[in-house]
Structure formats: structure tokens, C-alpha cells
Amino acid sequence: MISAWLKVSGIVKPGYQVASGKATDSPYPRGTIEMQVPFFQALGLDLTHFFPGTLNISIHPHRFEVKQPAYTFRQVQWNPESPAEDFSFSPVRVSFHNQSYTGLLYYPHPETKPAHFQDYSTLEILAPLIAGIDYGAQVTVELKSREINLR
């Protein structure tokens, strides 16, 4: 029997801080996630219970591939200044200090994303605010095996 979840260890790393709006040179002072939430909500995905930024987790040397995500939204025009983008989301669980948090893999499709690309060893995760987590923290991430491939 194949497990429904794949487990992988990772380390929290800094991102571009554009998703949260904390980057000093960001064209999105409110952050991209806060700006995108109403668009995804209108499409049937409520992200309001997550922290409005991404948790960037390096799973190097592993790489991930999105295959059949729970949600895919095409041509989302969340910013009038940029081209429409495609996004996919897949359920995840993040374990930190013996506590598990439910979240979503946030995957802006690179072929439609204008900037701030992540490598395929970095998971961008939407999760509730996790107390005490910081850059360099070791975590375990569980991914749905039917939705995500790990190599």
C-alpha cells in the first residue's frame, strides 16, 4: 500500500519577502498574499486563516514536482499592473518542535510568474503563524503523494 503522505526534512530559509510585503524594495507593500486572498476566496479557496506570507523551506537535495494539486486556478488577474498568473495549491503538514500545522503548498506557476522565482528544492508554504520558527529551523513537511512528486 502506498502512503498518502510523503515526508521530507527541510530547513526554513529566507525568501524574497515579497509575499509578506516585508521587502523594502517590494512593489507590493501589503504583500502579494494579502492582495491575492480575495481573488482565491472568490474562486472557492479561503486563505484567511493563514499568515499572509510564505514559509520557505529548503528540501535540498530533494526536488518537488506538482502533478495533481487539489486546486489549480488559471489566469488569475490579481494585480492590474502584471499579467495574469496560474496558481496551484496542495495540502501539507509542517512539523516543528513536535507540533503539526496544516497548510498549503503555494505554487505560482513559473511559466506565468513575472519575477521572484524559487528553485525546485524550495517549498513555499502557507500556514498559520508558527511561534518560534525562524530561519535555519529544521522542520518536517508532509506532502500528498498523489499531488506532489519528490525526487
Protein backbone atom coordinates (compact mmCIF):
# COMPACT_ATOMS: atom_id res chain seq x y z
CA MET A 1 0.00 0.00 0.00
CA ILE A 2 1.33 3.43 -0.94
CA SER A 3 1.32 6.04 1.81
CA ALA A 4 -0.94 9.02 1.23
CA TRP A 5 1.76 11.33 2.59
CA LEU A 6 5.43 11.78 1.67
CA LYS A 7 7.69 13.03 4.46
CA VAL A 8 10.72 15.19 3.81
CA SER A 9 13.04 17.11 6.13
CA GLY A 10 13.74 20.73 5.44
CA ILE A 11 15.24 23.94 6.71
CA VAL A 12 13.43 27.27 6.86
CA LYS A 13 15.23 29.79 4.69
CA PRO A 14 14.76 33.45 3.81
CA GLY A 15 12.60 34.21 0.82
CA TYR A 16 12.27 37.40 -1.18
CA GLN A 17 9.83 38.80 1.44
CA VAL A 18 7.55 39.98 -1.36
CA ALA A 19 4.73 37.59 -0.37
CA SER A 20 4.59 39.13 3.12
CA GLY A 21 5.29 42.70 1.99
CA LYS A 22 8.37 42.96 4.23
CA ALA A 23 10.87 43.51 1.40
CA THR A 24 12.00 47.14 1.35
CA ASP A 25 12.05 47.23 -2.46
CA SER A 26 8.76 45.35 -2.96
CA PRO A 27 6.29 46.85 -5.41
CA TYR A 28 3.59 45.29 -3.17
CA PRO A 29 3.76 46.98 0.27
CA ARG A 30 0.77 44.94 1.52
CA GLY A 31 2.40 41.76 0.23
CA THR A 32 1.31 39.56 -2.63
CA ILE A 33 -0.54 37.07 -0.42
CA GLU A 34 -2.74 39.72 1.19
CA MET A 35 -3.51 41.10 -2.26
CA GLN A 36 -4.30 37.64 -3.68
CA VAL A 37 -6.51 36.34 -0.83
CA PRO A 38 -9.76 37.95 -2.12
CA PHE A 39 -9.21 36.53 -5.61
CA PHE A 40 -8.69 32.99 -4.33
CA GLN A 41 -11.62 33.36 -1.95
CA ALA A 42 -13.87 34.32 -4.89
CA LEU A 43 -12.66 31.15 -6.65
CA GLY A 44 -13.57 28.99 -3.63
CA LEU A 45 -10.32 28.78 -1.63
CA ASP A 46 -10.26 30.57 1.73
CA LEU A 47 -6.73 31.52 2.79
CA THR A 48 -7.72 33.98 5.54
CA HIS A 49 -6.69 31.65 8.38
CA PHE A 50 -3.07 31.53 7.18
CA PHE A 51 -0.28 34.02 7.88
CA PRO A 52 -0.17 36.44 4.91
CA GLY A 53 3.27 35.38 3.73
CA THR A 54 5.04 32.17 2.77
CA LEU A 55 7.21 29.88 4.81
CA ASN A 56 10.13 28.99 2.53
CA ILE A 57 11.53 25.54 3.23
CA SER A 58 14.57 24.09 1.50
CA ILE A 59 14.29 20.34 0.98
CA HIS A 60 17.66 20.15 -0.82
CA PRO A 61 18.93 17.77 -2.18
CA HIS A 62 15.34 16.75 -2.94
CA ARG A 63 13.26 18.44 -5.60
CA PHE A 64 9.50 18.56 -5.90
CA GLU A 65 7.13 18.47 -8.84
CA VAL A 66 3.45 19.41 -8.77
CA LYS A 67 1.42 16.73 -10.55
CA GLN A 68 -2.27 16.74 -9.48
CA PRO A 69 -2.78 19.54 -6.95
CA ALA A 70 -6.03 19.91 -5.02
CA TYR A 71 -6.54 23.37 -6.52
CA THR A 72 -5.36 24.99 -9.73
CA PHE A 73 -6.53 28.42 -10.79
CA ARG A 74 -5.64 29.65 -14.26
CA GLN A 75 -5.20 33.23 -15.42
CA VAL A 76 -5.74 34.90 -12.04
CA GLN A 77 -5.55 38.67 -12.62
CA TRP A 78 -4.78 39.64 -9.02
CA ASN A 79 -2.67 42.69 -9.92
CA PRO A 80 -3.72 45.10 -12.67
CA GLU A 81 -0.04 46.01 -13.26
CA SER A 82 1.06 42.46 -14.10
CA PRO A 83 -0.02 39.66 -16.44
CA ALA A 84 -2.46 37.06 -15.11
CA GLU A 85 -0.86 34.08 -13.37
CA ASP A 86 -1.62 30.42 -12.78
CA PHE A 87 -1.52 29.06 -9.21
CA SER A 88 -1.75 25.62 -7.66
CA PHE A 89 -2.25 24.60 -4.04
CA SER A 90 -1.80 21.27 -2.31
CA PRO A 91 -2.38 20.29 1.34
CA VAL A 92 0.72 19.98 3.52
CA ARG A 93 1.57 19.38 7.14
CA VAL A 94 4.54 21.11 8.73
CA SER A 95 6.01 19.69 11.95
CA PHE A 96 8.09 21.94 14.19
CA HIS A 97 9.03 21.22 17.82
CA ASN A 98 6.71 18.20 17.99
CA GLN A 99 3.71 20.23 16.84
CA SER A 100 1.98 19.75 13.48
CA TYR A 101 0.46 22.58 11.45
CA THR A 102 -1.85 22.19 8.48
CA GLY A 103 -1.12 24.39 5.49
CA LEU A 104 -0.97 24.54 1.73
CA LEU A 105 1.85 24.34 -0.76
CA TYR A 106 1.63 27.66 -2.62
CA TYR A 107 2.80 27.21 -6.19
CA PRO A 108 2.70 30.16 -8.58
CA HIS A 109 3.41 28.50 -11.92
CA PRO A 110 6.85 29.70 -13.07
CA GLU A 111 5.76 29.93 -16.71
CA THR A 112 3.24 32.65 -15.79
CA LYS A 113 5.09 34.31 -12.90
CA PRO A 114 6.83 37.60 -13.76
CA ALA A 115 9.61 37.53 -11.10
CA HIS A 116 10.90 36.11 -7.79
CA PHE A 117 11.35 32.51 -8.88
CA GLN A 118 12.03 29.73 -6.39
CA ASP A 119 14.14 26.70 -7.18
CA TYR A 120 12.55 23.25 -7.21
CA SER A 121 14.14 22.46 -3.84
CA THR A 122 12.24 25.25 -2.08
CA LEU A 123 8.67 24.75 -0.95
CA GLU A 124 6.59 27.89 -0.44
CA ILE A 125 4.02 27.10 2.21
CA LEU A 126 1.02 28.99 3.53
CA ALA A 127 0.47 28.12 7.18
CA PRO A 128 -0.80 29.68 10.37
CA LEU A 129 1.75 31.77 12.26
CA ILE A 130 4.12 29.29 13.91
CA ALA A 131 5.53 30.57 17.20
CA GLY A 132 9.31 30.38 17.50
CA ILE A 133 10.04 29.36 13.91
CA ASP A 134 12.88 31.26 12.26
CA TYR A 135 15.46 30.96 9.51
CA GLY A 136 17.56 27.83 9.97
CA ALA A 137 14.83 25.94 11.85
CA GLN A 138 14.59 22.26 10.99
CA VAL A 139 11.11 21.05 10.08
CA THR A 140 9.42 18.02 8.60
CA VAL A 141 7.00 18.55 5.75
CA GLU A 142 4.38 16.04 4.67
CA LEU A 143 3.07 16.28 1.11
CA LYS A 144 0.17 14.44 -0.54
CA SER A 145 1.76 11.67 -2.63
CA ARG A 146 -0.94 11.76 -5.31
CA GLU A 147 -0.47 15.54 -5.76
CA ILE A 148 3.30 16.06 -5.43
CA ASN A 149 6.33 14.06 -6.58
CA LEU A 150 9.62 14.13 -4.68
CA ARG A 151 12.93 13.30 -6.33
